[in-house]
Amino acid sequence: MITVVAGGDSFIFGAELQDQINGAPSLSTYPALLAKEIDAEYVCAAMSGNSNSAIARMVMNACEQRLDQNLFVFV
């Protein structure tokens, strides 16, 4: 199975979308919909206001936790 790891800022997190509530990322963003379309696990490594270095670190941390999986990284 493939795991989609998406890193970014509020655009990838889906900060202003209707289904983004209680600090959980939206499942209506492009990478979330892509993961659903290809029947993959979705991991959101994004937060609103992230800088480039924070995005890189969050994506690397998410990937390191899943070394045994097939990863598709979306940044």
N, C-alpha and C. Protein backbone atom coordinates (compact mmCIF):
# COMPACT_ATOMS: atom_id res chain seq x y z
N MET A 1 0.84 -1.18 0.00
CA MET A 1 0.00 0.00 0.00
C MET A 1 0.88 1.24 0.00
N ILE A 2 0.44 2.28 -0.66
CA ILE A 2 1.16 3.54 -0.74
C ILE A 2 0.65 4.48 0.35
N THR A 3 1.56 5.26 0.90
CA THR A 3 1.21 6.31 1.85
C THR A 3 1.58 7.65 1.24
N VAL A 4 0.61 8.55 1.16
CA VAL A 4 0.85 9.90 0.67
C VAL A 4 1.17 10.78 1.86
N VAL A 5 2.37 11.37 1.86
CA VAL A 5 2.79 12.31 2.90
C VAL A 5 2.78 13.69 2.27
N ALA A 6 1.93 14.57 2.77
CA ALA A 6 1.79 15.91 2.20
C ALA A 6 2.33 16.95 3.18
N GLY A 7 3.28 17.74 2.72
CA GLY A 7 3.85 18.79 3.55
C GLY A 7 3.56 20.16 2.94
N GLY A 8 3.40 21.14 3.80
CA GLY A 8 3.16 22.48 3.29
C GLY A 8 2.67 23.42 4.38
N ASP A 9 1.92 24.42 3.94
CA ASP A 9 1.38 25.42 4.86
C ASP A 9 -0.14 25.32 4.90
N SER A 10 -0.81 26.44 5.10
CA SER A 10 -2.27 26.44 5.26
C SER A 10 -2.99 25.92 4.02
N PHE A 11 -2.39 26.08 2.84
CA PHE A 11 -3.01 25.61 1.61
C PHE A 11 -3.14 24.09 1.60
N ILE A 12 -2.11 23.39 2.03
CA ILE A 12 -2.12 21.93 2.09
C ILE A 12 -2.88 21.44 3.32
N PHE A 13 -2.81 22.19 4.41
CA PHE A 13 -3.54 21.85 5.63
C PHE A 13 -5.04 22.04 5.46
N GLY A 14 -5.43 22.97 4.58
CA GLY A 14 -6.85 23.24 4.34
C GLY A 14 -7.46 24.12 5.41
N ALA A 15 -6.71 25.13 5.85
CA ALA A 15 -7.08 25.94 7.01
C ALA A 15 -8.46 26.59 6.91
N GLU A 16 -8.90 26.96 5.75
CA GLU A 16 -10.17 27.67 5.65
C GLU A 16 -11.28 26.84 5.01
N LEU A 17 -11.08 25.56 4.91
CA LEU A 17 -12.10 24.69 4.34
C LEU A 17 -13.07 24.23 5.42
N GLN A 18 -14.29 23.92 5.01
CA GLN A 18 -15.36 23.60 5.96
C GLN A 18 -15.08 22.40 6.85
N ASP A 19 -14.39 21.40 6.32
CA ASP A 19 -14.19 20.19 7.13
C ASP A 19 -12.93 20.26 8.00
N GLN A 20 -12.26 21.39 8.06
CA GLN A 20 -11.10 21.55 8.92
C GLN A 20 -11.59 22.10 10.26
N ILE A 21 -11.77 21.18 11.22
CA ILE A 21 -12.28 21.58 12.54
C ILE A 21 -11.42 20.96 13.64
N ASN A 22 -11.38 21.62 14.76
CA ASN A 22 -10.67 21.13 15.95
C ASN A 22 -9.21 20.78 15.70
N GLY A 23 -8.54 21.51 14.83
CA GLY A 23 -7.11 21.30 14.60
C GLY A 23 -6.76 20.14 13.68
N ALA A 24 -7.76 19.44 13.17
CA ALA A 24 -7.51 18.32 12.25
C ALA A 24 -7.41 18.86 10.82
N PRO A 25 -6.51 18.32 10.01
CA PRO A 25 -6.40 18.80 8.63
C PRO A 25 -7.64 18.45 7.81
N SER A 26 -7.90 19.26 6.81
CA SER A 26 -9.03 19.04 5.92
C SER A 26 -8.78 17.83 5.03
N LEU A 27 -9.82 17.11 4.72
CA LEU A 27 -9.73 16.00 3.78
C LEU A 27 -10.24 16.40 2.39
N SER A 28 -10.38 17.72 2.18
CA SER A 28 -10.84 18.24 0.90
C SER A 28 -9.71 18.91 0.12
N THR A 29 -8.47 18.77 0.58
CA THR A 29 -7.33 19.35 -0.13
C THR A 29 -6.91 18.42 -1.26
N TYR A 30 -6.12 18.95 -2.19
CA TYR A 30 -5.69 18.15 -3.32
C TYR A 30 -4.97 16.86 -2.91
N PRO A 31 -3.97 16.93 -2.03
CA PRO A 31 -3.28 15.67 -1.68
C PRO A 31 -4.18 14.67 -0.97
N ALA A 32 -5.13 15.14 -0.16
CA ALA A 32 -6.06 14.22 0.52
C ALA A 32 -6.98 13.55 -0.50
N LEU A 33 -7.46 14.32 -1.45
CA LEU A 33 -8.31 13.75 -2.50
C LEU A 33 -7.54 12.80 -3.40
N LEU A 34 -6.27 13.13 -3.67
CA LEU A 34 -5.41 12.24 -4.46
C LEU A 34 -5.23 10.91 -3.74
N ALA A 35 -4.94 10.96 -2.45
CA ALA A 35 -4.76 9.73 -1.67
C ALA A 35 -6.03 8.89 -1.69
N LYS A 36 -7.16 9.54 -1.57
CA LYS A 36 -8.44 8.82 -1.61
C LYS A 36 -8.66 8.17 -2.98
N GLU A 37 -8.31 8.89 -4.02
CA GLU A 37 -8.51 8.40 -5.38
C GLU A 37 -7.68 7.16 -5.67
N ILE A 38 -6.46 7.12 -5.15
CA ILE A 38 -5.59 5.97 -5.42
C ILE A 38 -5.63 4.95 -4.29
N ASP A 39 -6.55 5.14 -3.36
CA ASP A 39 -6.76 4.22 -2.24
C ASP A 39 -5.48 4.07 -1.40
N ALA A 40 -4.91 5.22 -1.03
CA ALA A 40 -3.68 5.23 -0.24
C ALA A 40 -3.96 5.83 1.13
N GLU A 41 -3.07 5.53 2.07
CA GLU A 41 -3.14 6.18 3.39
C GLU A 41 -2.71 7.63 3.21
N TYR A 42 -3.30 8.54 3.97
CA TYR A 42 -2.95 9.96 3.86
C TYR A 42 -2.38 10.46 5.17
N VAL A 43 -1.20 11.10 5.10
CA VAL A 43 -0.56 11.70 6.26
C VAL A 43 -0.33 13.17 5.94
N CYS A 44 -0.95 14.04 6.71
CA CYS A 44 -0.78 15.47 6.52
C CYS A 44 0.32 15.97 7.45
N ALA A 45 1.44 16.41 6.86
CA ALA A 45 2.56 16.95 7.62
C ALA A 45 2.63 18.46 7.36
N ALA A 46 1.49 19.10 7.38
CA ALA A 46 1.40 20.53 7.10
C ALA A 46 0.76 21.27 8.27
N MET A 47 1.12 22.52 8.41
CA MET A 47 0.52 23.40 9.42
C MET A 47 0.44 24.80 8.84
N SER A 48 -0.56 25.54 9.24
CA SER A 48 -0.69 26.92 8.80
C SER A 48 0.51 27.73 9.27
N GLY A 49 1.03 28.56 8.38
CA GLY A 49 2.13 29.44 8.73
C GLY A 49 3.50 28.81 8.70
N ASN A 50 3.63 27.60 8.22
CA ASN A 50 4.94 26.94 8.17
C ASN A 50 5.90 27.66 7.24
N SER A 51 7.16 27.74 7.65
CA SER A 51 8.22 28.24 6.80
C SER A 51 8.78 27.07 5.99
N ASN A 52 9.64 27.37 5.02
CA ASN A 52 10.22 26.30 4.21
C ASN A 52 10.99 25.30 5.06
N SER A 53 11.76 25.79 6.03
CA SER A 53 12.53 24.87 6.86
C SER A 53 11.62 24.03 7.75
N ALA A 54 10.52 24.59 8.22
CA ALA A 54 9.57 23.82 9.03
C ALA A 54 8.87 22.76 8.18
N ILE A 55 8.54 23.11 6.95
CA ILE A 55 7.92 22.15 6.04
C ILE A 55 8.86 20.97 5.80
N ALA A 56 10.12 21.29 5.50
CA ALA A 56 11.11 20.24 5.26
C ALA A 56 11.26 19.33 6.47
N ARG A 57 11.36 19.91 7.66
CA ARG A 57 11.55 19.12 8.88
C ARG A 57 10.33 18.24 9.14
N MET A 58 9.10 18.78 9.00
CA MET A 58 7.89 17.99 9.25
C MET A 58 7.76 16.83 8.27
N VAL A 59 8.12 17.06 7.01
CA VAL A 59 8.05 15.99 6.01
C VAL A 59 9.08 14.92 6.32
N MET A 60 10.30 15.33 6.66
CA MET A 60 11.34 14.35 6.99
C MET A 60 10.94 13.52 8.22
N ASN A 61 10.38 14.17 9.23
CA ASN A 61 9.94 13.43 10.43
C ASN A 61 8.85 12.43 10.09
N ALA A 62 7.88 12.86 9.27
CA ALA A 62 6.79 11.96 8.88
C ALA A 62 7.32 10.76 8.09
N CYS A 63 8.30 11.00 7.23
CA CYS A 63 8.87 9.91 6.43
C CYS A 63 9.70 8.96 7.30
N GLU A 64 10.44 9.51 8.25
CA GLU A 64 11.26 8.67 9.12
C GLU A 64 10.41 7.73 9.96
N GLN A 65 9.21 8.12 10.30
CA GLN A 65 8.32 7.27 11.08
C GLN A 65 7.70 6.16 10.25
N ARG A 66 7.86 6.24 8.94
CA ARG A 66 7.23 5.26 8.05
C ARG A 66 8.23 4.65 7.07
N LEU A 67 9.41 4.35 7.54
CA LEU A 67 10.47 3.83 6.67
C LEU A 67 10.11 2.51 6.02
N ASP A 68 9.22 1.76 6.63
CA ASP A 68 8.85 0.44 6.11
C ASP A 68 7.70 0.51 5.09
N GLN A 69 7.26 1.70 4.73
CA GLN A 69 6.13 1.85 3.82
C GLN A 69 6.57 2.44 2.49
N ASN A 70 5.77 2.24 1.45
CA ASN A 70 5.99 2.88 0.17
C ASN A 70 5.42 4.29 0.26
N LEU A 71 6.28 5.30 0.12
CA LEU A 71 5.86 6.68 0.33
C LEU A 71 5.79 7.46 -0.98
N PHE A 72 4.78 8.29 -1.08
CA PHE A 72 4.66 9.29 -2.14
C PHE A 72 4.63 10.62 -1.41
N VAL A 73 5.68 11.42 -1.59
CA VAL A 73 5.79 12.68 -0.85
C VAL A 73 5.33 13.82 -1.73
N PHE A 74 4.42 14.61 -1.20
CA PHE A 74 3.80 15.74 -1.90
C PHE A 74 4.12 16.99 -1.10
N VAL A 75 4.94 17.90 -1.68
CA VAL A 75 5.31 19.14 -0.98
C VAL A 75 4.91 20.32 -1.83
